[in-house]
Amino acid sequence: MPYAEVDRIAKMIPADLKMTVKDALKAEPRFREMIDANPKVADLFRFAGEIEGRSRHAGTHASAVVISNRPITEVCPLYRQATGEITTQYG
């Protein structure tokens, strides 16, 4: 999809920090019309719903420490960085 079209659709989403794709579809009736008229818009909303809430990137914070009385693999998800270092996946 052209960036301009995606940008136009994104700007129609209500400005609410707790807004979800599902809530946006309920709040803006024009979205349903767009989805019915264009399979690419339908795909856009489907993909957005699938990735919503996922981490956007991996990073390291220098001052975080996880202390546990159980093996770390039982209490938090882990991630191996390109350098080989193992870090937690909490953000």
PDB file of N, CA and C in Angstrom:
ATOM      1  N   MET A   1       0.846  -1.186   0.000  1.00  0.00           N
ATOM      2  CA  MET A   1       0.000   0.000   0.000  1.00  0.00           C
ATOM      3  C   MET A   1       0.883   1.239   0.000  1.00  0.00           C
ATOM      4  N   PRO A   2       0.489   2.237  -0.720  1.00  0.00           N
ATOM      5  CA  PRO A   2       1.255   3.475  -0.695  1.00  0.00           C
ATOM      6  C   PRO A   2       1.223   4.098   0.705  1.00  0.00           C
ATOM      7  N   TYR A   3       2.342   4.693   1.080  1.00  0.00           N
ATOM      8  CA  TYR A   3       2.442   5.324   2.392  1.00  0.00           C
ATOM      9  C   TYR A   3       1.324   6.341   2.606  1.00  0.00           C
ATOM     10  N   ALA A   4       1.032   7.122   1.605  1.00  0.00           N
ATOM     11  CA  ALA A   4       0.021   8.177   1.740  1.00  0.00           C
ATOM     12  C   ALA A   4      -1.335   7.594   2.131  1.00  0.00           C
ATOM     13  N   GLU A   5      -1.676   6.445   1.579  1.00  0.00           N
ATOM     14  CA  GLU A   5      -2.965   5.818   1.907  1.00  0.00           C
ATOM     15  C   GLU A   5      -2.967   5.309   3.342  1.00  0.00           C
ATOM     16  N   VAL A   6      -1.892   4.660   3.745  1.00  0.00           N
ATOM     17  CA  VAL A   6      -1.783   4.167   5.127  1.00  0.00           C
ATOM     18  C   VAL A   6      -1.820   5.344   6.096  1.00  0.00           C
ATOM     19  N   ASP A   7      -1.120   6.419   5.767  1.00  0.00           N
ATOM     20  CA  ASP A   7      -1.090   7.605   6.617  1.00  0.00           C
ATOM     21  C   ASP A   7      -2.483   8.214   6.753  1.00  0.00           C
ATOM     22  N   ARG A   8      -3.214   8.280   5.670  1.00  0.00           N
ATOM     23  CA  ARG A   8      -4.584   8.825   5.700  1.00  0.00           C
ATOM     24  C   ARG A   8      -5.470   7.992   6.622  1.00  0.00           C
ATOM     25  N   ILE A   9      -5.351   6.677   6.540  1.00  0.00           N
ATOM     26  CA  ILE A   9      -6.137   5.780   7.391  1.00  0.00           C
ATOM     27  C   ILE A   9      -5.715   5.938   8.851  1.00  0.00           C
ATOM     28  N   ALA A  10      -4.409   5.982   9.098  1.00  0.00           N
ATOM     29  CA  ALA A  10      -3.903   6.108  10.469  1.00  0.00           C
ATOM     30  C   ALA A  10      -4.400   7.397  11.125  1.00  0.00           C
ATOM     31  N   LYS A  11      -4.490   8.461  10.352  1.00  0.00           N
ATOM     32  CA  LYS A  11      -4.949   9.744  10.902  1.00  0.00           C
ATOM     33  C   LYS A  11      -6.431   9.725  11.246  1.00  0.00           C
ATOM     34  N   MET A  12      -7.173   8.745  10.745  1.00  0.00           N
ATOM     35  CA  MET A  12      -8.593   8.616  11.062  1.00  0.00           C
ATOM     36  C   MET A  12      -8.821   7.899  12.395  1.00  0.00           C
ATOM     37  N   ILE A  13      -7.799   7.265  12.924  1.00  0.00           N
ATOM     38  CA  ILE A  13      -7.923   6.544  14.187  1.00  0.00           C
ATOM     39  C   ILE A  13      -8.038   7.565  15.313  1.00  0.00           C
ATOM     40  N   PRO A  14      -9.051   7.421  16.173  1.00  0.00           N
ATOM     41  CA  PRO A  14      -9.218   8.381  17.272  1.00  0.00           C
ATOM     42  C   PRO A  14      -7.958   8.478  18.144  1.00  0.00           C
ATOM     43  N   ALA A  15      -7.642   9.701  18.570  1.00  0.00           N
ATOM     44  CA  ALA A  15      -6.443   9.958  19.380  1.00  0.00           C
ATOM     45  C   ALA A  15      -6.731   9.606  20.841  1.00  0.00           C
ATOM     46  N   ASP A  16      -6.533   8.352  21.169  1.00  0.00           N
ATOM     47  CA  ASP A  16      -6.730   7.853  22.529  1.00  0.00           C
ATOM     48  C   ASP A  16      -5.610   6.872  22.802  1.00  0.00           C
ATOM     49  N   LEU A  17      -4.846   7.079  23.866  1.00  0.00           N
ATOM     50  CA  LEU A  17      -3.697   6.219  24.150  1.00  0.00           C
ATOM     51  C   LEU A  17      -4.081   4.757  24.353  1.00  0.00           C
ATOM     52  N   LYS A  18      -5.317   4.485  24.723  1.00  0.00           N
ATOM     53  CA  LYS A  18      -5.749   3.099  24.944  1.00  0.00           C
ATOM     54  C   LYS A  18      -6.499   2.530  23.742  1.00  0.00           C
ATOM     55  N   MET A  19      -6.462   3.222  22.625  1.00  0.00           N
ATOM     56  CA  MET A  19      -7.176   2.795  21.419  1.00  0.00           C
ATOM     57  C   MET A  19      -6.580   1.505  20.874  1.00  0.00           C
ATOM     58  N   THR A  20      -7.435   0.576  20.524  1.00  0.00           N
ATOM     59  CA  THR A  20      -7.018  -0.666  19.881  1.00  0.00           C
ATOM     60  C   THR A  20      -7.585  -0.686  18.466  1.00  0.00           C
ATOM     61  N   VAL A  21      -7.113  -1.607  17.658  1.00  0.00           N
ATOM     62  CA  VAL A  21      -7.637  -1.740  16.296  1.00  0.00           C
ATOM     63  C   VAL A  21      -9.130  -2.051  16.356  1.00  0.00           C
ATOM     64  N   LYS A  22      -9.502  -2.959  17.230  1.00  0.00           N
ATOM     65  CA  LYS A  22     -10.909  -3.351  17.368  1.00  0.00           C
ATOM     66  C   LYS A  22     -11.779  -2.150  17.771  1.00  0.00           C
ATOM     67  N   ASP A  23     -11.286  -1.366  18.733  1.00  0.00           N
ATOM     68  CA  ASP A  23     -12.035  -0.183  19.173  1.00  0.00           C
ATOM     69  C   ASP A  23     -12.115   0.873  18.071  1.00  0.00           C
ATOM     70  N   ALA A  24     -11.049   1.019  17.300  1.00  0.00           N
ATOM     71  CA  ALA A  24     -11.045   1.990  16.204  1.00  0.00           C
ATOM     72  C   ALA A  24     -12.090   1.614  15.157  1.00  0.00           C
ATOM     73  N   LEU A  25     -12.226   0.326  14.893  1.00  0.00           N
ATOM     74  CA  LEU A  25     -13.231  -0.119  13.924  1.00  0.00           C
ATOM     75  C   LEU A  25     -14.640   0.220  14.397  1.00  0.00           C
ATOM     76  N   LYS A  26     -14.871   0.146  15.704  1.00  0.00           N
ATOM     77  CA  LYS A  26     -16.185   0.499  16.258  1.00  0.00           C
ATOM     78  C   LYS A  26     -16.395   2.008  16.262  1.00  0.00           C
ATOM     79  N   ALA A  27     -15.335   2.763  16.538  1.00  0.00           N
ATOM     80  CA  ALA A  27     -15.449   4.210  16.679  1.00  0.00           C
ATOM     81  C   ALA A  27     -15.578   4.955  15.350  1.00  0.00           C
ATOM     82  N   GLU A  28     -15.029   4.392  14.308  1.00  0.00           N
ATOM     83  CA  GLU A  28     -15.013   5.086  13.013  1.00  0.00           C
ATOM     84  C   GLU A  28     -15.726   4.238  11.962  1.00  0.00           C
ATOM     85  N   PRO A  29     -17.010   4.515  11.679  1.00  0.00           N
ATOM     86  CA  PRO A  29     -17.790   3.702  10.729  1.00  0.00           C
ATOM     87  C   PRO A  29     -17.220   3.679   9.309  1.00  0.00           C
ATOM     88  N   ARG A  30     -16.450   4.702   8.928  1.00  0.00           N
ATOM     89  CA  ARG A  30     -15.876   4.718   7.578  1.00  0.00           C
ATOM     90  C   ARG A  30     -14.882   3.576   7.366  1.00  0.00           C
ATOM     91  N   PHE A  31     -14.285   3.087   8.448  1.00  0.00           N
ATOM     92  CA  PHE A  31     -13.340   1.970   8.305  1.00  0.00           C
ATOM     93  C   PHE A  31     -14.024   0.740   7.716  1.00  0.00           C
ATOM     94  N   ARG A  32     -15.217   0.429   8.174  1.00  0.00           N
ATOM     95  CA  ARG A  32     -15.940  -0.753   7.673  1.00  0.00           C
ATOM     96  C   ARG A  32     -16.205  -0.605   6.184  1.00  0.00           C
ATOM     97  N   GLU A  33     -16.590   0.586   5.754  1.00  0.00           N
ATOM     98  CA  GLU A  33     -16.837   0.838   4.334  1.00  0.00           C
ATOM     99  C   GLU A  33     -15.550   0.637   3.528  1.00  0.00           C
ATOM    100  N   MET A  34     -14.445   1.151   4.052  1.00  0.00           N
ATOM    101  CA  MET A  34     -13.154   1.033   3.364  1.00  0.00           C
ATOM    102  C   MET A  34     -12.729  -0.430   3.256  1.00  0.00           C
ATOM    103  N   ILE A  35     -12.927  -1.183   4.336  1.00  0.00           N
ATOM    104  CA  ILE A  35     -12.557  -2.607   4.361  1.00  0.00           C
ATOM    105  C   ILE A  35     -13.382  -3.385   3.340  1.00  0.00           C
ATOM    106  N   ASP A  36     -14.683  -3.098   3.291  1.00  0.00           N
ATOM    107  CA  ASP A  36     -15.567  -3.795   2.349  1.00  0.00           C
ATOM    108  C   ASP A  36     -15.240  -3.457   0.901  1.00  0.00           C
ATOM    109  N   ALA A  37     -14.737  -2.244   0.665  1.00  0.00           N
ATOM    110  CA  ALA A  37     -14.466  -1.801  -0.704  1.00  0.00           C
ATOM    111  C   ALA A  37     -13.072  -2.179  -1.206  1.00  0.00           C
ATOM    112  N   ASN A  38     -12.135  -2.439  -0.283  1.00  0.00           N
ATOM    113  CA  ASN A  38     -10.751  -2.640  -0.706  1.00  0.00           C
ATOM    114  C   ASN A  38     -10.078  -3.757   0.102  1.00  0.00           C
ATOM    115  N   PRO A  39      -9.756  -4.879  -0.548  1.00  0.00           N
ATOM    116  CA  PRO A  39      -9.127  -6.002   0.166  1.00  0.00           C
ATOM    117  C   PRO A  39      -7.776  -5.634   0.808  1.00  0.00           C
ATOM    118  N   LYS A  40      -7.077  -4.661   0.225  1.00  0.00           N
ATOM    119  CA  LYS A  40      -5.795  -4.248   0.820  1.00  0.00           C
ATOM    120  C   LYS A  40      -6.014  -3.545   2.152  1.00  0.00           C
ATOM    121  N   VAL A  41      -7.087  -2.777   2.255  1.00  0.00           N
ATOM    122  CA  VAL A  41      -7.411  -2.130   3.529  1.00  0.00           C
ATOM    123  C   VAL A  41      -7.822  -3.194   4.543  1.00  0.00           C
ATOM    124  N   ALA A  42      -8.556  -4.196   4.091  1.00  0.00           N
ATOM    125  CA  ALA A  42      -8.926  -5.309   4.982  1.00  0.00           C
ATOM    126  C   ALA A  42      -7.679  -6.003   5.508  1.00  0.00           C
ATOM    127  N   ASP A  43      -6.714  -6.247   4.624  1.00  0.00           N
ATOM    128  CA  ASP A  43      -5.447  -6.861   5.049  1.00  0.00           C
ATOM    129  C   ASP A  43      -4.711  -5.968   6.041  1.00  0.00           C
ATOM    130  N   LEU A  44      -4.699  -4.663   5.779  1.00  0.00           N
ATOM    131  CA  LEU A  44      -4.025  -3.723   6.667  1.00  0.00           C
ATOM    132  C   LEU A  44      -4.573  -3.840   8.089  1.00  0.00           C
ATOM    133  N   PHE A  45      -5.891  -3.837   8.238  1.00  0.00           N
ATOM    134  CA  PHE A  45      -6.497  -3.941   9.564  1.00  0.00           C
ATOM    135  C   PHE A  45      -6.266  -5.317  10.189  1.00  0.00           C
ATOM    136  N   ARG A  46      -6.292  -6.353   9.370  1.00  0.00           N
ATOM    137  CA  ARG A  46      -6.045  -7.704   9.899  1.00  0.00           C
ATOM    138  C   ARG A  46      -4.613  -7.805  10.416  1.00  0.00           C
ATOM    139  N   PHE A  47      -3.648  -7.341   9.626  1.00  0.00           N
ATOM    140  CA  PHE A  47      -2.243  -7.393  10.047  1.00  0.00           C
ATOM    141  C   PHE A  47      -2.010  -6.514  11.277  1.00  0.00           C
ATOM    142  N   ALA A  48      -2.622  -5.336  11.295  1.00  0.00           N
ATOM    143  CA  ALA A  48      -2.462  -4.437  12.442  1.00  0.00           C
ATOM    144  C   ALA A  48      -2.978  -5.104  13.720  1.00  0.00           C
ATOM    145  N   GLY A  49      -4.103  -5.793  13.604  1.00  0.00           N
ATOM    146  CA  GLY A  49      -4.645  -6.503  14.770  1.00  0.00           C
ATOM    147  C   GLY A  49      -3.733  -7.618  15.247  1.00  0.00           C
ATOM    148  N   GLU A  50      -3.067  -8.280  14.304  1.00  0.00           N
ATOM    149  CA  GLU A  50      -2.172  -9.387  14.657  1.00  0.00           C
ATOM    150  C   GLU A  50      -0.908  -8.909  15.368  1.00  0.00           C
ATOM    151  N   ILE A  51      -0.405  -7.744  15.001  1.00  0.00           N
ATOM    152  CA  ILE A  51       0.849  -7.283  15.606  1.00  0.00           C
ATOM    153  C   ILE A  51       0.631  -6.316  16.772  1.00  0.00           C
ATOM    154  N   GLU A  52      -0.608  -5.895  16.974  1.00  0.00           N
ATOM    155  CA  GLU A  52      -0.903  -4.948  18.047  1.00  0.00           C
ATOM    156  C   GLU A  52      -0.448  -5.490  19.399  1.00  0.00           C
ATOM    157  N   GLY A  53       0.242  -4.648  20.149  1.00  0.00           N
ATOM    158  CA  GLY A  53       0.691  -5.021  21.486  1.00  0.00           C
ATOM    159  C   GLY A  53       2.038  -5.723  21.536  1.00  0.00           C
ATOM    160  N   ARG A  54       2.582  -6.072  20.406  1.00  0.00           N
ATOM    161  CA  ARG A  54       3.892  -6.730  20.384  1.00  0.00           C
ATOM    162  C   ARG A  54       5.007  -5.705  20.537  1.00  0.00           C
ATOM    163  N   SER A  55       6.150  -6.183  20.982  1.00  0.00           N
ATOM    164  CA  SER A  55       7.306  -5.299  21.112  1.00  0.00           C
ATOM    165  C   SER A  55       7.717  -4.783  19.748  1.00  0.00           C
ATOM    166  N   ARG A  56       8.143  -3.538  19.708  1.00  0.00           N
ATOM    167  CA  ARG A  56       8.550  -2.936  18.443  1.00  0.00           C
ATOM    168  C   ARG A  56      10.018  -3.170  18.146  1.00  0.00           C
ATOM    169  N   HIS A  57      10.827  -3.348  19.167  1.00  0.00           N
ATOM    170  CA  HIS A  57      12.255  -3.529  18.971  1.00  0.00           C
ATOM    171  C   HIS A  57      12.876  -4.122  20.236  1.00  0.00           C
ATOM    172  N   ALA A  58      14.079  -4.576  20.116  1.00  0.00           N
ATOM    173  CA  ALA A  58      14.819  -5.083  21.266  1.00  0.00           C
ATOM    174  C   ALA A  58      15.867  -4.059  21.654  1.00  0.00           C
ATOM    175  N   GLY A  59      16.069  -3.901  22.934  1.00  0.00           N
ATOM    176  CA  GLY A  59      17.077  -2.967  23.414  1.00  0.00           C
ATOM    177  C   GLY A  59      17.577  -3.414  24.773  1.00  0.00           C
ATOM    178  N   THR A  60      18.585  -2.740  25.259  1.00  0.00           N
ATOM    179  CA  THR A  60      19.169  -3.087  26.550  1.00  0.00           C
ATOM    180  C   THR A  60      19.144  -1.867  27.455  1.00  0.00           C
ATOM    181  N   HIS A  61      18.736  -2.092  28.674  1.00  0.00           N
ATOM    182  CA  HIS A  61      18.748  -1.032  29.685  1.00  0.00           C
ATOM    183  C   HIS A  61      19.809  -1.399  30.706  1.00  0.00           C
ATOM    184  N   ALA A  62      20.766  -0.540  30.903  1.00  0.00           N
ATOM    185  CA  ALA A  62      21.956  -0.860  31.690  1.00  0.00           C
ATOM    186  C   ALA A  62      21.720  -1.057  33.184  1.00  0.00           C
ATOM    187  N   SER A  63      20.594  -0.607  33.710  1.00  0.00           N
ATOM    188  CA  SER A  63      20.449  -0.674  35.161  1.00  0.00           C
ATOM    189  C   SER A  63      19.374  -1.650  35.635  1.00  0.00           C
ATOM    190  N   ALA A  64      18.968  -2.571  34.831  1.00  0.00           N
ATOM    191  CA  ALA A  64      17.937  -3.525  35.239  1.00  0.00           C
ATOM    192  C   ALA A  64      18.561  -4.864  35.625  1.00  0.00           C
ATOM    193  N   VAL A  65      18.072  -5.427  36.729  1.00  0.00           N
ATOM    194  CA  VAL A  65      18.547  -6.724  37.205  1.00  0.00           C
ATOM    195  C   VAL A  65      17.326  -7.547  37.597  1.00  0.00           C
ATOM    196  N   VAL A  66      17.306  -8.822  37.229  1.00  0.00           N
ATOM    197  CA  VAL A  66      16.232  -9.719  37.620  1.00  0.00           C
ATOM    198  C   VAL A  66      16.778 -10.668  38.679  1.00  0.00           C
ATOM    199  N   ILE A  67      16.135 -10.703  39.829  1.00  0.00           N
ATOM    200  CA  ILE A  67      16.548 -11.591  40.920  1.00  0.00           C
ATOM    201  C   ILE A  67      15.411 -12.576  41.149  1.00  0.00           C
ATOM    202  N   SER A  68      15.743 -13.861  41.200  1.00  0.00           N
ATOM    203  CA  SER A  68      14.718 -14.885  41.351  1.00  0.00           C
ATOM    204  C   SER A  68      15.257 -16.053  42.156  1.00  0.00           C
ATOM    205  N   ASN A  69      14.359 -16.718  42.884  1.00  0.00           N
ATOM    206  CA  ASN A  69      14.743 -17.934  43.601  1.00  0.00           C
ATOM    207  C   ASN A  69      14.504 -19.176  42.743  1.00  0.00           C
ATOM    208  N   ARG A  70      14.073 -18.969  41.502  1.00  0.00           N
ATOM    209  CA  ARG A  70      13.872 -20.063  40.547  1.00  0.00           C
ATOM    210  C   ARG A  70      14.739 -19.793  39.326  1.00  0.00           C
ATOM    211  N   PRO A  71      14.951 -20.811  38.482  1.00  0.00           N
ATOM    212  CA  PRO A  71      15.727 -20.574  37.255  1.00  0.00           C
ATOM    213  C   PRO A  71      15.095 -19.432  36.450  1.00  0.00           C
ATOM    214  N   ILE A  72      15.928 -18.581  35.907  1.00  0.00           N
ATOM    215  CA  ILE A  72      15.453 -17.393  35.193  1.00  0.00           C
ATOM    216  C   ILE A  72      14.515 -17.756  34.037  1.00  0.00           C
ATOM    217  N   THR A  73      14.727 -18.916  33.424  1.00  0.00           N
ATOM    218  CA  THR A  73      13.869 -19.330  32.309  1.00  0.00           C
ATOM    219  C   THR A  73      12.442 -19.638  32.757  1.00  0.00           C
ATOM    220  N   GLU A  74      12.221 -19.797  34.058  1.00  0.00           N
ATOM    221  CA  GLU A  74      10.876 -20.060  34.576  1.00  0.00           C
ATOM    222  C   GLU A  74      10.117 -18.772  34.914  1.00  0.00           C
ATOM    223  N   VAL A  75      10.822 -17.653  34.998  1.00  0.00           N
ATOM    224  CA  VAL A  75      10.158 -16.430  35.443  1.00  0.00           C
ATOM    225  C   VAL A  75      10.079 -15.324  34.393  1.00  0.00           C
ATOM    226  N   CYS A  76      10.896 -15.397  33.353  1.00  0.00           N
ATOM    227  CA  CYS A  76      10.796 -14.361  32.323  1.00  0.00           C
ATOM    228  C   CYS A  76      11.332 -14.868  30.983  1.00  0.00           C
ATOM    229  N   PRO A  77      10.805 -14.319  29.890  1.00  0.00           N
ATOM    230  CA  PRO A  77      11.292 -14.704  28.562  1.00  0.00           C
ATOM    231  C   PRO A  77      12.683 -14.135  28.318  1.00  0.00           C
ATOM    232  N   LEU A  78      13.483 -14.871  27.575  1.00  0.00           N
ATOM    233  CA  LEU A  78      14.848 -14.448  27.288  1.00  0.00           C
ATOM    234  C   LEU A  78      15.047 -14.228  25.801  1.00  0.00           C
ATOM    235  N   TYR A  79      16.072 -13.448  25.487  1.00  0.00           N
ATOM    236  CA  TYR A  79      16.384 -13.092  24.113  1.00  0.00           C
ATOM    237  C   TYR A  79      17.894 -13.117  23.952  1.00  0.00           C
ATOM    238  N   ARG A  80      18.387 -13.745  22.891  1.00  0.00           N
ATOM    239  CA  ARG A  80      19.827 -13.735  22.622  1.00  0.00           C
ATOM    240  C   ARG A  80      20.102 -12.647  21.584  1.00  0.00           C
ATOM    241  N   GLN A  81      20.905 -11.670  21.991  1.00  0.00           N
ATOM    242  CA  GLN A  81      21.252 -10.576  21.095  1.00  0.00           C
ATOM    243  C   GLN A  81      22.232 -11.063  20.025  1.00  0.00           C
ATOM    244  N   ALA A  82      22.415 -10.261  19.004  1.00  0.00           N
ATOM    245  CA  ALA A  82      23.350 -10.601  17.921  1.00  0.00           C
ATOM    246  C   ALA A  82      24.768 -10.795  18.458  1.00  0.00           C
ATOM    247  N   THR A  83      25.085 -10.136  19.581  1.00  0.00           N
ATOM    248  CA  THR A  83      26.432 -10.255  20.177  1.00  0.00           C
ATOM    249  C   THR A  83      26.593 -11.555  20.957  1.00  0.00           C
ATOM    250  N   GLY A  84      25.464 -12.285  21.146  1.00  0.00           N
ATOM    251  CA  GLY A  84      25.505 -13.524  21.916  1.00  0.00           C
ATOM    252  C   GLY A  84      25.054 -13.354  23.349  1.00  0.00           C
ATOM    253  N   GLU A  85      24.938 -12.101  23.816  1.00  0.00           N
ATOM    254  CA  GLU A  85      24.486 -11.852  25.174  1.00  0.00           C
ATOM    255  C   GLU A  85      23.031 -12.263  25.327  1.00  0.00           C
ATOM    256  N   ILE A  86      22.701 -12.787  26.500  1.00  0.00           N
ATOM    257  CA  ILE A  86      21.312 -13.159  26.797  1.00  0.00           C
ATOM    258  C   ILE A  86      20.706 -12.074  27.666  1.00  0.00           C
ATOM    259  N   THR A  87      19.552 -11.590  27.264  1.00  0.00           N
ATOM    260  CA  THR A  87      18.850 -10.542  28.017  1.00  0.00           C
ATOM    261  C   THR A  87      17.404 -10.939  28.216  1.00  0.00           C
ATOM    262  N   THR A  88      16.734 -10.282  29.147  1.00  0.00           N
ATOM    263  CA  THR A  88      15.310 -10.542  29.339  1.00  0.00           C
ATOM    264  C   THR A  88      14.517  -9.799  28.275  1.00  0.00           C
ATOM    265  N   GLN A  89      13.283 -10.234  28.077  1.00  0.00           N
ATOM    266  CA  GLN A  89      12.434  -9.586  27.088  1.00  0.00           C
ATOM    267  C   GLN A  89      11.389  -8.687  27.735  1.00  0.00           C
ATOM    268  N   TYR A  90      11.592  -8.286  28.948  1.00  0.00           N
ATOM    269  CA  TYR A  90      10.661  -7.347  29.575  1.00  0.00           C
ATOM    270  C   TYR A  90      11.064  -5.944  29.213  1.00  0.00           C
ATOM    271  N   GLY A  91      10.072  -5.084  29.034  1.00  0.00           N
ATOM    272  CA  GLY A  91      10.361  -3.706  28.658  1.00  0.00           C
ATOM    273  C   GLY A  91       9.750  -2.739  29.610  1.00  0.00           C
TER     274      GLY A  91
END
